[in-house]
PDB file of N, CA and C in Angstrom:
ATOM      1  N   MET A   1       1.379   8.835   0.185  1.00  0.00           N
ATOM      2  CA  MET A   1       0.514   8.929   1.344  1.00  0.00           C
ATOM      3  C   MET A   1      -0.177  10.285   1.304  1.00  0.00           C
ATOM      4  N   ASN A   2      -1.372  10.343   1.819  1.00  0.00           N
ATOM      5  CA  ASN A   2      -2.172  11.547   1.693  1.00  0.00           C
ATOM      6  C   ASN A   2      -1.759  12.647   2.651  1.00  0.00           C
ATOM      7  N   LYS A   3      -1.275  12.317   3.812  1.00  0.00           N
ATOM      8  CA  LYS A   3      -0.827  13.345   4.733  1.00  0.00           C
ATOM      9  C   LYS A   3       0.661  13.590   4.524  1.00  0.00           C
ATOM     10  N   VAL A   4       1.207  14.556   5.255  1.00  0.00           N
ATOM     11  CA  VAL A   4       2.629  14.845   5.121  1.00  0.00           C
ATOM     12  C   VAL A   4       3.408  13.581   5.464  1.00  0.00           C
ATOM     13  N   PHE A   5       4.292  13.207   4.585  1.00  0.00           N
ATOM     14  CA  PHE A   5       4.995  11.936   4.684  1.00  0.00           C
ATOM     15  C   PHE A   5       6.467  12.196   4.981  1.00  0.00           C
ATOM     16  N   ASP A   6       6.922  11.762   6.141  1.00  0.00           N
ATOM     17  CA  ASP A   6       8.324  11.889   6.518  1.00  0.00           C
ATOM     18  C   ASP A   6       9.034  10.601   6.106  1.00  0.00           C
ATOM     19  N   LYS A   7       9.545  10.623   4.878  1.00  0.00           N
ATOM     20  CA  LYS A   7      10.160   9.437   4.281  1.00  0.00           C
ATOM     21  C   LYS A   7      11.310   8.907   5.132  1.00  0.00           C
ATOM     22  N   ALA A   8      12.167   9.806   5.619  1.00  0.00           N
ATOM     23  CA  ALA A   8      13.336   9.374   6.394  1.00  0.00           C
ATOM     24  C   ALA A   8      12.922   8.683   7.692  1.00  0.00           C
ATOM     25  N   ALA A   9      11.932   9.232   8.376  1.00  0.00           N
ATOM     26  CA  ALA A   9      11.484   8.642   9.636  1.00  0.00           C
ATOM     27  C   ALA A   9      10.818   7.287   9.393  1.00  0.00           C
ATOM     28  N   PHE A  10      10.024   7.198   8.331  1.00  0.00           N
ATOM     29  CA  PHE A  10       9.370   5.939   8.001  1.00  0.00           C
ATOM     30  C   PHE A  10      10.400   4.872   7.642  1.00  0.00           C
ATOM     31  N   LYS A  11      11.399   5.244   6.837  1.00  0.00           N
ATOM     32  CA  LYS A  11      12.463   4.314   6.446  1.00  0.00           C
ATOM     33  C   LYS A  11      13.210   3.816   7.686  1.00  0.00           C
ATOM     34  N   GLU A  12      13.526   4.741   8.573  1.00  0.00           N
ATOM     35  CA  GLU A  12      14.253   4.383   9.787  1.00  0.00           C
ATOM     36  C   GLU A  12      13.442   3.397  10.633  1.00  0.00           C
ATOM     37  N   LYS A  13      12.154   3.657  10.772  1.00  0.00           N
ATOM     38  CA  LYS A  13      11.291   2.774  11.554  1.00  0.00           C
ATOM     39  C   LYS A  13      11.204   1.386  10.913  1.00  0.00           C
ATOM     40  N   LEU A  14      11.029   1.353   9.584  1.00  0.00           N
ATOM     41  CA  LEU A  14      10.989   0.062   8.887  1.00  0.00           C
ATOM     42  C   LEU A  14      12.285  -0.714   9.097  1.00  0.00           C
ATOM     43  N   ASP A  15      13.417  -0.039   8.952  1.00  0.00           N
ATOM     44  CA  ASP A  15      14.717  -0.714   9.088  1.00  0.00           C
ATOM     45  C   ASP A  15      14.950  -1.216  10.512  1.00  0.00           C
ATOM     46  N   GLU A  16      14.452  -0.479  11.506  1.00  0.00           N
ATOM     47  CA  GLU A  16      14.623  -0.891  12.903  1.00  0.00           C
ATOM     48  C   GLU A  16      13.750  -2.094  13.256  1.00  0.00           C
ATOM     49  N   GLN A  17      12.536  -2.150  12.681  1.00  0.00           N
ATOM     50  CA  GLN A  17      11.556  -3.136  13.105  1.00  0.00           C
ATOM     51  C   GLN A  17      11.419  -4.347  12.180  1.00  0.00           C
ATOM     52  N   THR A  18      12.120  -4.331  11.049  1.00  0.00           N
ATOM     53  CA  THR A  18      11.916  -5.379  10.061  1.00  0.00           C
ATOM     54  C   THR A  18      13.233  -6.000   9.630  1.00  0.00           C
ATOM     55  N   THR A  19      13.241  -7.312   9.506  1.00  0.00           N
ATOM     56  CA  THR A  19      14.377  -8.020   8.939  1.00  0.00           C
ATOM     57  C   THR A  19      14.013  -8.352   7.493  1.00  0.00           C
ATOM     58  N   PHE A  20      14.764  -7.802   6.563  1.00  0.00           N
ATOM     59  CA  PHE A  20      14.479  -7.990   5.137  1.00  0.00           C
ATOM     60  C   PHE A  20      15.297  -9.126   4.572  1.00  0.00           C
ATOM     61  N   PRO A  21      14.766  -9.803   3.537  1.00  0.00           N
ATOM     62  CA  PRO A  21      13.451  -9.614   2.921  1.00  0.00           C
ATOM     63  C   PRO A  21      12.351 -10.011   3.896  1.00  0.00           C
ATOM     64  N   ALA A  22      11.157  -9.388   3.712  1.00  0.00           N
ATOM     65  CA  ALA A  22      10.051  -9.626   4.635  1.00  0.00           C
ATOM     66  C   ALA A  22       8.723  -9.568   3.898  1.00  0.00           C
ATOM     67  N   LEU A  23       7.772 -10.345   4.408  1.00  0.00           N
ATOM     68  CA  LEU A  23       6.407 -10.275   3.901  1.00  0.00           C
ATOM     69  C   LEU A  23       5.787  -9.037   4.533  1.00  0.00           C
ATOM     70  N   TYR A  24       5.348  -8.102   3.691  1.00  0.00           N
ATOM     71  CA  TYR A  24       4.800  -6.833   4.170  1.00  0.00           C
ATOM     72  C   TYR A  24       3.343  -6.730   3.738  1.00  0.00           C
ATOM     73  N   MET A  25       2.503  -6.203   4.625  1.00  0.00           N
ATOM     74  CA  MET A  25       1.086  -6.051   4.310  1.00  0.00           C
ATOM     75  C   MET A  25       0.768  -4.574   4.080  1.00  0.00           C
ATOM     76  N   PHE A  26       0.299  -4.284   2.863  1.00  0.00           N
ATOM     77  CA  PHE A  26      -0.142  -2.943   2.496  1.00  0.00           C
ATOM     78  C   PHE A  26      -1.656  -2.902   2.636  1.00  0.00           C
ATOM     79  N   LYS A  27      -2.189  -1.786   3.153  1.00  0.00           N
ATOM     80  CA  LYS A  27      -3.628  -1.607   3.249  1.00  0.00           C
ATOM     81  C   LYS A  27      -3.982  -0.253   2.647  1.00  0.00           C
ATOM     82  N   PHE A  28      -4.975  -0.283   1.757  1.00  0.00           N
ATOM     83  CA  PHE A  28      -5.429   0.922   1.090  1.00  0.00           C
ATOM     84  C   PHE A  28      -6.951   0.955   1.067  1.00  0.00           C
ATOM     85  N   ILE A  29      -7.500   2.151   0.982  1.00  0.00           N
ATOM     86  CA  ILE A  29      -8.917   2.352   0.715  1.00  0.00           C
ATOM     87  C   ILE A  29      -8.995   3.209  -0.532  1.00  0.00           C
ATOM     88  N   VAL A  30      -9.805   2.768  -1.497  1.00  0.00           N
ATOM     89  CA  VAL A  30      -9.943   3.498  -2.764  1.00  0.00           C
ATOM     90  C   VAL A  30     -11.414   3.612  -3.145  1.00  0.00           C
ATOM     91  N   PRO A  31     -11.739   4.637  -3.930  1.00  0.00           N
ATOM     92  CA  PRO A  31     -13.107   4.703  -4.459  1.00  0.00           C
ATOM     93  C   PRO A  31     -13.367   3.495  -5.356  1.00  0.00           C
ATOM     94  N   LYS A  32     -14.616   3.045  -5.370  1.00  0.00           N
ATOM     95  CA  LYS A  32     -14.993   1.924  -6.230  1.00  0.00           C
ATOM     96  C   LYS A  32     -14.580   2.232  -7.669  1.00  0.00           C
ATOM     97  N   GLY A  33     -14.047   1.233  -8.354  1.00  0.00           N
ATOM     98  CA  GLY A  33     -13.596   1.409  -9.731  1.00  0.00           C
ATOM     99  C   GLY A  33     -12.090   1.595  -9.859  1.00  0.00           C
ATOM    100  N   LYS A  34     -11.408   1.755  -8.741  1.00  0.00           N
ATOM    101  CA  LYS A  34      -9.950   1.954  -8.758  1.00  0.00           C
ATOM    102  C   LYS A  34      -9.180   0.670  -8.449  1.00  0.00           C
ATOM    103  N   GLU A  35      -9.892  -0.453  -8.382  1.00  0.00           N
ATOM    104  CA  GLU A  35      -9.252  -1.713  -8.007  1.00  0.00           C
ATOM    105  C   GLU A  35      -8.115  -2.100  -8.947  1.00  0.00           C
ATOM    106  N   ASP A  36      -8.297  -1.902 -10.242  1.00  0.00           N
ATOM    107  CA  ASP A  36      -7.240  -2.278 -11.193  1.00  0.00           C
ATOM    108  C   ASP A  36      -5.975  -1.454 -10.980  1.00  0.00           C
ATOM    109  N   GLU A  37      -6.135  -0.184 -10.618  1.00  0.00           N
ATOM    110  CA  GLU A  37      -4.960   0.648 -10.353  1.00  0.00           C
ATOM    111  C   GLU A  37      -4.197   0.131  -9.139  1.00  0.00           C
ATOM    112  N   VAL A  38      -4.928  -0.329  -8.133  1.00  0.00           N
ATOM    113  CA  VAL A  38      -4.285  -0.883  -6.939  1.00  0.00           C
ATOM    114  C   VAL A  38      -3.581  -2.194  -7.298  1.00  0.00           C
ATOM    115  N   LYS A  39      -4.230  -3.031  -8.101  1.00  0.00           N
ATOM    116  CA  LYS A  39      -3.613  -4.298  -8.522  1.00  0.00           C
ATOM    117  C   LYS A  39      -2.277  -4.070  -9.225  1.00  0.00           C
ATOM    118  N   ARG A  40      -2.187  -2.999 -10.000  1.00  0.00           N
ATOM    119  CA  ARG A  40      -0.953  -2.722 -10.748  1.00  0.00           C
ATOM    120  C   ARG A  40       0.207  -2.318  -9.849  1.00  0.00           C
ATOM    121  N   LEU A  41      -0.070  -1.924  -8.604  1.00  0.00           N
ATOM    122  CA  LEU A  41       1.017  -1.565  -7.686  1.00  0.00           C
ATOM    123  C   LEU A  41       1.920  -2.761  -7.415  1.00  0.00           C
ATOM    124  N   LEU A  42       1.302  -3.914  -7.219  1.00  0.00           N
ATOM    125  CA  LEU A  42       2.053  -5.127  -6.875  1.00  0.00           C
ATOM    126  C   LEU A  42       1.439  -6.322  -7.600  1.00  0.00           C
ATOM    127  N   PRO A  43       1.661  -6.402  -8.901  1.00  0.00           N
ATOM    128  CA  PRO A  43       1.085  -7.523  -9.646  1.00  0.00           C
ATOM    129  C   PRO A  43       1.648  -8.855  -9.150  1.00  0.00           C
ATOM    130  N   ASN A  44       0.858  -9.895  -9.312  1.00  0.00           N
ATOM    131  CA  ASN A  44       1.272 -11.255  -8.947  1.00  0.00           C
ATOM    132  C   ASN A  44       1.479 -11.453  -7.453  1.00  0.00           C
ATOM    133  N   ASN A  45       0.751 -10.667  -6.637  1.00  0.00           N
ATOM    134  CA  ASN A  45       0.817 -10.839  -5.189  1.00  0.00           C
ATOM    135  C   ASN A  45      -0.581 -11.087  -4.651  1.00  0.00           C
ATOM    136  N   GLN A  46      -0.645 -11.618  -3.451  1.00  0.00           N
ATOM    137  CA  GLN A  46      -1.928 -11.904  -2.820  1.00  0.00           C
ATOM    138  C   GLN A  46      -2.640 -10.594  -2.506  1.00  0.00           C
ATOM    139  N   ILE A  47      -3.861 -10.427  -3.013  1.00  0.00           N
ATOM    140  CA  ILE A  47      -4.631  -9.206  -2.783  1.00  0.00           C
ATOM    141  C   ILE A  47      -6.067  -9.577  -2.423  1.00  0.00           C
ATOM    142  N   THR A  48      -6.605  -8.866  -1.456  1.00  0.00           N
ATOM    143  CA  THR A  48      -7.982  -9.073  -1.029  1.00  0.00           C
ATOM    144  C   THR A  48      -8.707  -7.740  -1.111  1.00  0.00           C
ATOM    145  N   PHE A  49      -9.883  -7.749  -1.727  1.00  0.00           N
ATOM    146  CA  PHE A  49     -10.722  -6.557  -1.811  1.00  0.00           C
ATOM    147  C   PHE A  49     -11.988  -6.784  -0.995  1.00  0.00           C
ATOM    148  N   LYS A  50     -12.455  -5.718  -0.358  1.00  0.00           N
ATOM    149  CA  LYS A  50     -13.706  -5.783   0.381  1.00  0.00           C
ATOM    150  C   LYS A  50     -14.433  -4.459   0.197  1.00  0.00           C
ATOM    151  N   ALA A  51     -15.690  -4.524  -0.221  1.00  0.00           N
ATOM    152  CA  ALA A  51     -16.485  -3.317  -0.439  1.00  0.00           C
ATOM    153  C   ALA A  51     -16.966  -2.746   0.889  1.00  0.00           C
ATOM    154  N   SER A  52     -17.096  -1.427   0.942  1.00  0.00           N
ATOM    155  CA  SER A  52     -17.659  -0.771   2.120  1.00  0.00           C
ATOM    156  C   SER A  52     -19.147  -1.086   2.203  1.00  0.00           C
ATOM    157  N   ALA A  53     -19.769  -0.747   3.316  1.00  0.00           N
ATOM    158  CA  ALA A  53     -21.187  -1.051   3.526  1.00  0.00           C
ATOM    159  C   ALA A  53     -22.062  -0.480   2.415  1.00  0.00           C
ATOM    160  N   LYS A  54     -21.767   0.732   1.978  1.00  0.00           N
ATOM    161  CA  LYS A  54     -22.550   1.363   0.908  1.00  0.00           C
ATOM    162  C   LYS A  54     -22.011   1.035  -0.478  1.00  0.00           C
ATOM    163  N   GLY A  55     -20.847   0.410  -0.534  1.00  0.00           N
ATOM    164  CA  GLY A  55     -20.271   0.017  -1.816  1.00  0.00           C
ATOM    165  C   GLY A  55     -19.562   1.119  -2.570  1.00  0.00           C
ATOM    166  N   THR A  56     -19.365   2.262  -1.946  1.00  0.00           N
ATOM    167  CA  THR A  56     -18.702   3.370  -2.642  1.00  0.00           C
ATOM    168  C   THR A  56     -17.182   3.300  -2.532  1.00  0.00           C
ATOM    169  N   TYR A  57     -16.679   2.587  -1.533  1.00  0.00           N
ATOM    170  CA  TYR A  57     -15.244   2.443  -1.343  1.00  0.00           C
ATOM    171  C   TYR A  57     -14.877   0.971  -1.277  1.00  0.00           C
ATOM    172  N   ILE A  58     -13.640   0.687  -1.600  1.00  0.00           N
ATOM    173  CA  ILE A  58     -13.107  -0.665  -1.566  1.00  0.00           C
ATOM    174  C   ILE A  58     -11.845  -0.649  -0.705  1.00  0.00           C
ATOM    175  N   SER A  59     -11.766  -1.578   0.239  1.00  0.00           N
ATOM    176  CA  SER A  59     -10.515  -1.725   0.985  1.00  0.00           C
ATOM    177  C   SER A  59      -9.703  -2.803   0.293  1.00  0.00           C
ATOM    178  N   ALA A  60      -8.408  -2.570   0.228  1.00  0.00           N
ATOM    179  CA  ALA A  60      -7.502  -3.514  -0.423  1.00  0.00           C
ATOM    180  C   ALA A  60      -6.382  -3.869   0.543  1.00  0.00           C
ATOM    181  N   THR A  61      -6.126  -5.142   0.656  1.00  0.00           N
ATOM    182  CA  THR A  61      -5.008  -5.632   1.449  1.00  0.00           C
ATOM    183  C   THR A  61      -4.125  -6.442   0.510  1.00  0.00           C
ATOM    184  N   ILE A  62      -2.854  -6.071   0.473  1.00  0.00           N
ATOM    185  CA  ILE A  62      -1.903  -6.756  -0.408  1.00  0.00           C
ATOM    186  C   ILE A  62      -0.738  -7.253   0.438  1.00  0.00           C
ATOM    187  N   LYS A  63      -0.451  -8.532   0.314  1.00  0.00           N
ATOM    188  CA  LYS A  63       0.724  -9.101   0.976  1.00  0.00           C
ATOM    189  C   LYS A  63       1.777  -9.346  -0.093  1.00  0.00           C
ATOM    190  N   ALA A  64       2.968  -8.795   0.145  1.00  0.00           N
ATOM    191  CA  ALA A  64       4.041  -8.925  -0.842  1.00  0.00           C
ATOM    192  C   ALA A  64       5.389  -9.068  -0.139  1.00  0.00           C
ATOM    193  N   MET A  65       6.243  -9.892  -0.717  1.00  0.00           N
ATOM    194  CA  MET A  65       7.600 -10.035  -0.205  1.00  0.00           C
ATOM    195  C   MET A  65       8.405  -8.811  -0.661  1.00  0.00           C
ATOM    196  N   MET A  66       8.953  -8.087   0.291  1.00  0.00           N
ATOM    197  CA  MET A  66       9.684  -6.861  -0.021  1.00  0.00           C
ATOM    198  C   MET A  66      11.160  -7.047   0.337  1.00  0.00           C
ATOM    199  N   LYS A  67      12.029  -6.576  -0.575  1.00  0.00           N
ATOM    200  CA  LYS A  67      13.470  -6.803  -0.379  1.00  0.00           C
ATOM    201  C   LYS A  67      14.096  -5.834   0.607  1.00  0.00           C
ATOM    202  N   ASP A  68      13.525  -4.613   0.724  1.00  0.00           N
ATOM    203  CA  ASP A  68      14.072  -3.631   1.655  1.00  0.00           C
ATOM    204  C   ASP A  68      13.074  -2.500   1.878  1.00  0.00           C
ATOM    205  N   SER A  69      13.412  -1.586   2.773  1.00  0.00           N
ATOM    206  CA  SER A  69      12.509  -0.482   3.098  1.00  0.00           C
ATOM    207  C   SER A  69      12.281   0.440   1.905  1.00  0.00           C
ATOM    208  N   GLU A  70      13.267   0.602   1.065  1.00  0.00           N
ATOM    209  CA  GLU A  70      13.108   1.458  -0.121  1.00  0.00           C
ATOM    210  C   GLU A  70      12.032   0.916  -1.052  1.00  0.00           C
ATOM    211  N   ALA A  71      11.946  -0.396  -1.181  1.00  0.00           N
ATOM    212  CA  ALA A  71      10.923  -1.009  -2.037  1.00  0.00           C
ATOM    213  C   ALA A  71       9.523  -0.726  -1.483  1.00  0.00           C
ATOM    214  N   ILE A  72       9.386  -0.767  -0.171  1.00  0.00           N
ATOM    215  CA  ILE A  72       8.094  -0.464   0.462  1.00  0.00           C
ATOM    216  C   ILE A  72       7.718   0.995   0.217  1.00  0.00           C
ATOM    217  N   ILE A  73       8.665   1.882   0.424  1.00  0.00           N
ATOM    218  CA  ILE A  73       8.412   3.310   0.232  1.00  0.00           C
ATOM    219  C   ILE A  73       8.033   3.604  -1.212  1.00  0.00           C
ATOM    220  N   LYS A  74       8.679   2.923  -2.144  1.00  0.00           N
ATOM    221  CA  LYS A  74       8.359   3.123  -3.561  1.00  0.00           C
ATOM    222  C   LYS A  74       6.901   2.761  -3.854  1.00  0.00           C
ATOM    223  N   VAL A  75       6.412   1.682  -3.248  1.00  0.00           N
ATOM    224  CA  VAL A  75       5.016   1.280  -3.457  1.00  0.00           C
ATOM    225  C   VAL A  75       4.080   2.375  -2.936  1.00  0.00           C
ATOM    226  N   TYR A  76       4.366   2.898  -1.748  1.00  0.00           N
ATOM    227  CA  TYR A  76       3.525   3.970  -1.200  1.00  0.00           C
ATOM    228  C   TYR A  76       3.580   5.222  -2.073  1.00  0.00           C
ATOM    229  N   GLU A  77       4.744   5.537  -2.611  1.00  0.00           N
ATOM    230  CA  GLU A  77       4.863   6.702  -3.492  1.00  0.00           C
ATOM    231  C   GLU A  77       4.054   6.507  -4.764  1.00  0.00           C
ATOM    232  N   GLU A  78       4.079   5.299  -5.341  1.00  0.00           N
ATOM    233  CA  GLU A  78       3.279   5.011  -6.533  1.00  0.00           C
ATOM    234  C   GLU A  78       1.784   5.027  -6.191  1.00  0.00           C
ATOM    235  N   ALA A  79       1.437   4.500  -5.026  1.00  0.00           N
ATOM    236  CA  ALA A  79       0.037   4.483  -4.604  1.00  0.00           C
ATOM    237  C   ALA A  79      -0.516   5.893  -4.459  1.00  0.00           C
ATOM    238  N   SER A  80       0.306   6.810  -4.020  1.00  0.00           N
ATOM    239  CA  SER A  80      -0.161   8.183  -3.807  1.00  0.00           C
ATOM    240  C   SER A  80      -0.607   8.855  -5.109  1.00  0.00           C
ATOM    241  N   LYS A  81      -0.253   8.286  -6.244  1.00  0.00           N
ATOM    242  CA  LYS A  81      -0.653   8.834  -7.531  1.00  0.00           C
ATOM    243  C   LYS A  81      -2.081   8.414  -7.925  1.00  0.00           C
ATOM    244  N   ILE A  82      -2.668   7.470  -7.186  1.00  0.00           N
ATOM    245  CA  ILE A  82      -4.019   7.010  -7.465  1.00  0.00           C
ATOM    246  C   ILE A  82      -5.001   7.997  -6.819  1.00  0.00           C
ATOM    247  N   GLU A  83      -5.858   8.557  -7.644  1.00  0.00           N
ATOM    248  CA  GLU A  83      -6.800   9.559  -7.153  1.00  0.00           C
ATOM    249  C   GLU A  83      -7.742   8.971  -6.100  1.00  0.00           C
ATOM    250  N   GLY A  84      -7.816   9.628  -4.961  1.00  0.00           N
ATOM    251  CA  GLY A  84      -8.736   9.228  -3.893  1.00  0.00           C
ATOM    252  C   GLY A  84      -8.240   8.149  -2.974  1.00  0.00           C
ATOM    253  N   ILE A  85      -7.010   7.683  -3.133  1.00  0.00           N
ATOM    254  CA  ILE A  85      -6.505   6.587  -2.311  1.00  0.00           C
ATOM    255  C   ILE A  85      -6.182   7.062  -0.893  1.00  0.00           C
ATOM    256  N   ILE A  86      -6.423   6.179   0.059  1.00  0.00           N
ATOM    257  CA  ILE A  86      -6.012   6.399   1.436  1.00  0.00           C
ATOM    258  C   ILE A  86      -5.109   5.237   1.789  1.00  0.00           C
ATOM    259  N   SER A  87      -3.903   5.540   2.217  1.00  0.00           N
ATOM    260  CA  SER A  87      -2.954   4.503   2.649  1.00  0.00           C
ATOM    261  C   SER A  87      -3.038   4.363   4.159  1.00  0.00           C
ATOM    262  N   LEU A  88      -3.182   3.134   4.614  1.00  0.00           N
ATOM    263  CA  LEU A  88      -3.281   2.892   6.059  1.00  0.00           C
ATOM    264  C   LEU A  88      -1.995   2.311   6.598  1.00  0.00           C
TER     265      LEU A  88
END
């Protein structure tokens, strides 16, 4: 995540509000051309891309079955390695 990320607080919130396994929706915004990097985060899952009005950014929504909060956090940690990504 691009801002300061409190992993423990996020994990606690996920565990309190979610019964695992659960279908989780990830939302990201990336510069155009980074779509393949986003696809590699969760291959073989439902993903939707939508270009911004000017076409310089792409929003990505990925729905994936997640086994626990740690799996979700791992995806966000891997996503943070993509240059220019914004995690929503």
